[in-house]
Amino acid sequence: MNAQVQNITRAVNFELRRIGSIRHYLSEEAALTLVSAFILSRLDYCNALLYGCPQYLLNRLQKLQNNAARLVLRVRESEHISPHLQALHWLPIESRIKYKIACLSRAGLG
């Protein structure tokens, strides 16, 4: 799982830098659209496989999501990110994984 998280981290950091370089030209809505398309999709792809992996790996992914929220909302590093994640209606990484498993289980039953 460590290699998978490293690949996700590399790809997401690349996209964060790309979007960050043009962020001052974008509205908040446009930035949110780009982050959803290029970053959240990478964090969500096959994330059900990350269930049960060590907490330090989930923390790495959570930092990526936090950085994405900071990019969208222009939040400083010194500010707490939790209220901003709630404002964006983004679940934390661990909850996203559990939600994905619940959706897959429901689809399998129906």
Foldseek 3Di string as FASTA:
>chain_A
DVVLLVVLLVQLVVQLVVCLVCLVVDALVVLVVSCVVRRVVSLLVVLLVVPPPDPVSLVSSQVSVQSSLCSSVVDDPPDDRVVSCVVVVHDRSNVSNVVVVVVVVVVVVD
